[in-house]
Amino acid sequence: MELKNKIWMNGNLEWFAYIGEDEVYLGKREVPTPLEEGNSWINELGDKFQVVDGEIKLLGRFAPPEKYW
């Protein structure tokens, strides 16, 4: 599968992508690698994403996952 979004990782190991014209934070470790059709995840901010038809889609904001120290 070829991903249609431009994605990159910065020096802090954070994933970003262009979704439409917007630069969007995808997350850190919660981003599945390799990205495959149907993958979905919620980043630490509560944004939910899913790969649909080879494109990362922002599905909305949900309650962020709880962190257990």
N, C-alpha and C. Protein backbone atom coordinates (compact mmCIF):
# COMPACT_ATOMS: atom_id res chain seq x y z
N MET A 1 0.83 -1.17 0.00
CA MET A 1 0.00 0.00 0.00
C MET A 1 0.88 1.24 0.00
N GLU A 2 0.56 2.16 -0.85
CA GLU A 2 1.27 3.44 -0.88
C GLU A 2 0.44 4.47 -0.15
N LEU A 3 1.05 5.14 0.82
CA LEU A 3 0.37 6.16 1.60
C LEU A 3 0.32 7.47 0.82
N LYS A 4 -0.85 8.11 0.77
CA LYS A 4 -1.02 9.34 0.00
C LYS A 4 -0.59 10.58 0.77
N ASN A 5 -0.55 10.51 2.10
CA ASN A 5 -0.13 11.64 2.92
C ASN A 5 1.39 11.72 2.98
N LYS A 6 1.92 12.92 3.11
CA LYS A 6 3.34 13.10 3.38
C LYS A 6 3.51 13.03 4.89
N ILE A 7 4.32 12.07 5.37
CA ILE A 7 4.55 11.91 6.80
C ILE A 7 6.03 12.03 7.09
N TRP A 8 6.36 12.43 8.33
CA TRP A 8 7.75 12.52 8.76
C TRP A 8 7.83 12.43 10.27
N MET A 9 9.05 12.15 10.75
CA MET A 9 9.33 12.06 12.17
C MET A 9 10.39 13.12 12.50
N ASN A 10 10.20 13.83 13.61
CA ASN A 10 11.20 14.82 14.00
C ASN A 10 12.23 14.19 14.92
N GLY A 11 13.16 14.99 15.42
CA GLY A 11 14.23 14.49 16.27
C GLY A 11 13.77 13.97 17.63
N ASN A 12 12.56 14.32 18.03
CA ASN A 12 12.00 13.85 19.30
C ASN A 12 11.15 12.59 19.11
N LEU A 13 11.26 11.97 17.94
CA LEU A 13 10.52 10.75 17.59
C LEU A 13 9.01 10.97 17.60
N GLU A 14 8.57 12.15 17.18
CA GLU A 14 7.16 12.47 17.04
C GLU A 14 6.80 12.44 15.56
N TRP A 15 5.66 11.80 15.25
CA TRP A 15 5.19 11.68 13.86
C TRP A 15 4.26 12.83 13.51
N PHE A 16 4.42 13.37 12.30
CA PHE A 16 3.57 14.43 11.77
C PHE A 16 3.15 14.05 10.35
N ALA A 17 2.07 14.65 9.88
CA ALA A 17 1.59 14.41 8.51
C ALA A 17 0.85 15.64 8.03
N TYR A 18 0.81 15.78 6.71
CA TYR A 18 -0.08 16.76 6.11
C TYR A 18 -1.40 16.05 5.85
N ILE A 19 -2.47 16.58 6.44
CA ILE A 19 -3.81 16.11 6.18
C ILE A 19 -4.53 17.29 5.54
N GLY A 20 -4.74 17.19 4.26
CA GLY A 20 -5.22 18.34 3.50
C GLY A 20 -4.10 19.37 3.44
N GLU A 21 -4.35 20.57 3.85
CA GLU A 21 -3.35 21.64 3.87
C GLU A 21 -2.73 21.81 5.25
N ASP A 22 -3.20 21.05 6.23
CA ASP A 22 -2.78 21.23 7.62
C ASP A 22 -1.69 20.25 8.03
N GLU A 23 -0.72 20.76 8.79
CA GLU A 23 0.30 19.92 9.41
C GLU A 23 -0.27 19.42 10.73
N VAL A 24 -0.34 18.10 10.89
CA VAL A 24 -1.03 17.51 12.04
C VAL A 24 -0.09 16.59 12.80
N TYR A 25 -0.13 16.69 14.13
CA TYR A 25 0.64 15.81 15.01
C TYR A 25 -0.08 14.47 15.11
N LEU A 26 0.61 13.39 14.73
CA LEU A 26 0.01 12.06 14.75
C LEU A 26 0.24 11.33 16.06
N GLY A 27 1.36 11.60 16.72
CA GLY A 27 1.66 10.92 17.97
C GLY A 27 3.09 10.46 18.01
N LYS A 28 3.39 9.65 19.02
CA LYS A 28 4.74 9.10 19.20
C LYS A 28 4.67 7.58 19.01
N ARG A 29 4.76 6.87 20.09
CA ARG A 29 4.79 5.40 20.04
C ARG A 29 3.46 4.79 19.65
N GLU A 30 2.38 5.56 19.80
CA GLU A 30 1.06 5.00 19.49
C GLU A 30 0.80 4.86 18.00
N VAL A 31 1.62 5.49 17.16
CA VAL A 31 1.45 5.39 15.71
C VAL A 31 1.94 4.01 15.26
N PRO A 32 1.07 3.20 14.66
CA PRO A 32 1.49 1.85 14.24
C PRO A 32 2.47 1.92 13.07
N THR A 33 3.50 1.13 13.15
CA THR A 33 4.46 1.03 12.04
C THR A 33 4.64 -0.43 11.70
N PRO A 34 4.58 -0.78 10.44
CA PRO A 34 4.28 0.07 9.29
C PRO A 34 2.79 0.39 9.26
N LEU A 35 2.46 1.55 8.70
CA LEU A 35 1.06 1.93 8.56
C LEU A 35 0.41 1.09 7.47
N GLU A 36 -0.71 0.47 7.79
CA GLU A 36 -1.42 -0.38 6.84
C GLU A 36 -2.88 0.02 6.80
N GLU A 37 -3.55 -0.36 5.75
CA GLU A 37 -4.97 -0.06 5.56
C GLU A 37 -5.77 -0.55 6.77
N GLY A 38 -6.60 0.32 7.33
CA GLY A 38 -7.45 -0.05 8.45
C GLY A 38 -6.86 0.25 9.81
N ASN A 39 -5.55 0.56 9.90
CA ASN A 39 -4.95 0.91 11.19
C ASN A 39 -5.64 2.13 11.76
N SER A 40 -5.84 2.13 13.08
CA SER A 40 -6.37 3.31 13.75
C SER A 40 -5.67 3.45 15.09
N TRP A 41 -5.61 4.70 15.60
CA TRP A 41 -4.96 4.98 16.87
C TRP A 41 -5.45 6.32 17.40
N ILE A 42 -5.26 6.51 18.71
CA ILE A 42 -5.56 7.78 19.37
C ILE A 42 -4.25 8.28 19.97
N ASN A 43 -3.87 9.52 19.62
CA ASN A 43 -2.63 10.06 20.17
C ASN A 43 -2.85 10.59 21.58
N GLU A 44 -1.79 11.09 22.20
CA GLU A 44 -1.86 11.54 23.59
C GLU A 44 -2.74 12.77 23.78
N LEU A 45 -3.07 13.47 22.70
CA LEU A 45 -3.95 14.64 22.78
C LEU A 45 -5.42 14.25 22.64
N GLY A 46 -5.69 13.01 22.23
CA GLY A 46 -7.05 12.54 22.06
C GLY A 46 -7.54 12.56 20.62
N ASP A 47 -6.66 12.91 19.67
CA ASP A 47 -7.04 12.90 18.26
C ASP A 47 -7.01 11.47 17.74
N LYS A 48 -8.10 11.05 17.08
CA LYS A 48 -8.20 9.69 16.54
C LYS A 48 -7.97 9.72 15.04
N PHE A 49 -7.13 8.80 14.56
CA PHE A 49 -6.78 8.69 13.15
C PHE A 49 -7.06 7.29 12.66
N GLN A 50 -7.29 7.17 11.34
CA GLN A 50 -7.44 5.87 10.71
C GLN A 50 -6.94 5.96 9.28
N VAL A 51 -6.32 4.88 8.80
CA VAL A 51 -5.86 4.81 7.41
C VAL A 51 -7.01 4.23 6.58
N VAL A 52 -7.53 5.05 5.64
CA VAL A 52 -8.65 4.67 4.78
C VAL A 52 -8.27 4.96 3.34
N ASP A 53 -8.34 3.96 2.48
CA ASP A 53 -8.00 4.11 1.06
C ASP A 53 -6.61 4.70 0.87
N GLY A 54 -5.65 4.29 1.70
CA GLY A 54 -4.27 4.74 1.56
C GLY A 54 -4.02 6.15 2.06
N GLU A 55 -4.95 6.71 2.81
CA GLU A 55 -4.82 8.09 3.29
C GLU A 55 -5.14 8.14 4.79
N ILE A 56 -4.35 8.91 5.54
CA ILE A 56 -4.60 9.08 6.97
C ILE A 56 -5.73 10.09 7.13
N LYS A 57 -6.77 9.68 7.86
CA LYS A 57 -7.93 10.54 8.10
C LYS A 57 -8.00 10.89 9.58
N LEU A 58 -8.29 12.15 9.89
CA LEU A 58 -8.54 12.59 11.25
C LEU A 58 -10.02 12.40 11.52
N LEU A 59 -10.36 11.51 12.47
CA LEU A 59 -11.75 11.17 12.74
C LEU A 59 -12.39 12.06 13.80
N GLY A 60 -11.60 12.78 14.55
CA GLY A 60 -12.15 13.66 15.58
C GLY A 60 -11.36 13.57 16.86
N ARG A 61 -11.85 14.27 17.87
CA ARG A 61 -11.18 14.28 19.17
C ARG A 61 -12.00 13.48 20.16
N PHE A 62 -11.32 12.60 20.87
CA PHE A 62 -11.92 11.73 21.85
C PHE A 62 -11.15 11.90 23.15
N ALA A 63 -11.58 11.24 24.19
CA ALA A 63 -10.85 11.28 25.45
C ALA A 63 -9.49 10.63 25.26
N PRO A 64 -8.41 11.32 25.66
CA PRO A 64 -7.09 10.73 25.48
C PRO A 64 -6.92 9.49 26.36
N PRO A 65 -6.06 8.58 25.92
CA PRO A 65 -5.83 7.37 26.73
C PRO A 65 -5.20 7.74 28.08
N GLU A 66 -5.57 7.01 29.10
CA GLU A 66 -5.00 7.26 30.43
C GLU A 66 -3.57 6.76 30.48
N LYS A 67 -2.73 7.52 31.21
CA LYS A 67 -1.34 7.11 31.39
C LYS A 67 -1.19 6.48 32.77
N TYR A 68 -0.54 5.35 32.79
CA TYR A 68 -0.28 4.65 34.04
C TYR A 68 1.21 4.68 34.28
N TRP A 69 1.60 5.31 35.35
CA TRP A 69 3.04 5.46 35.64
C TRP A 69 3.48 4.31 36.43
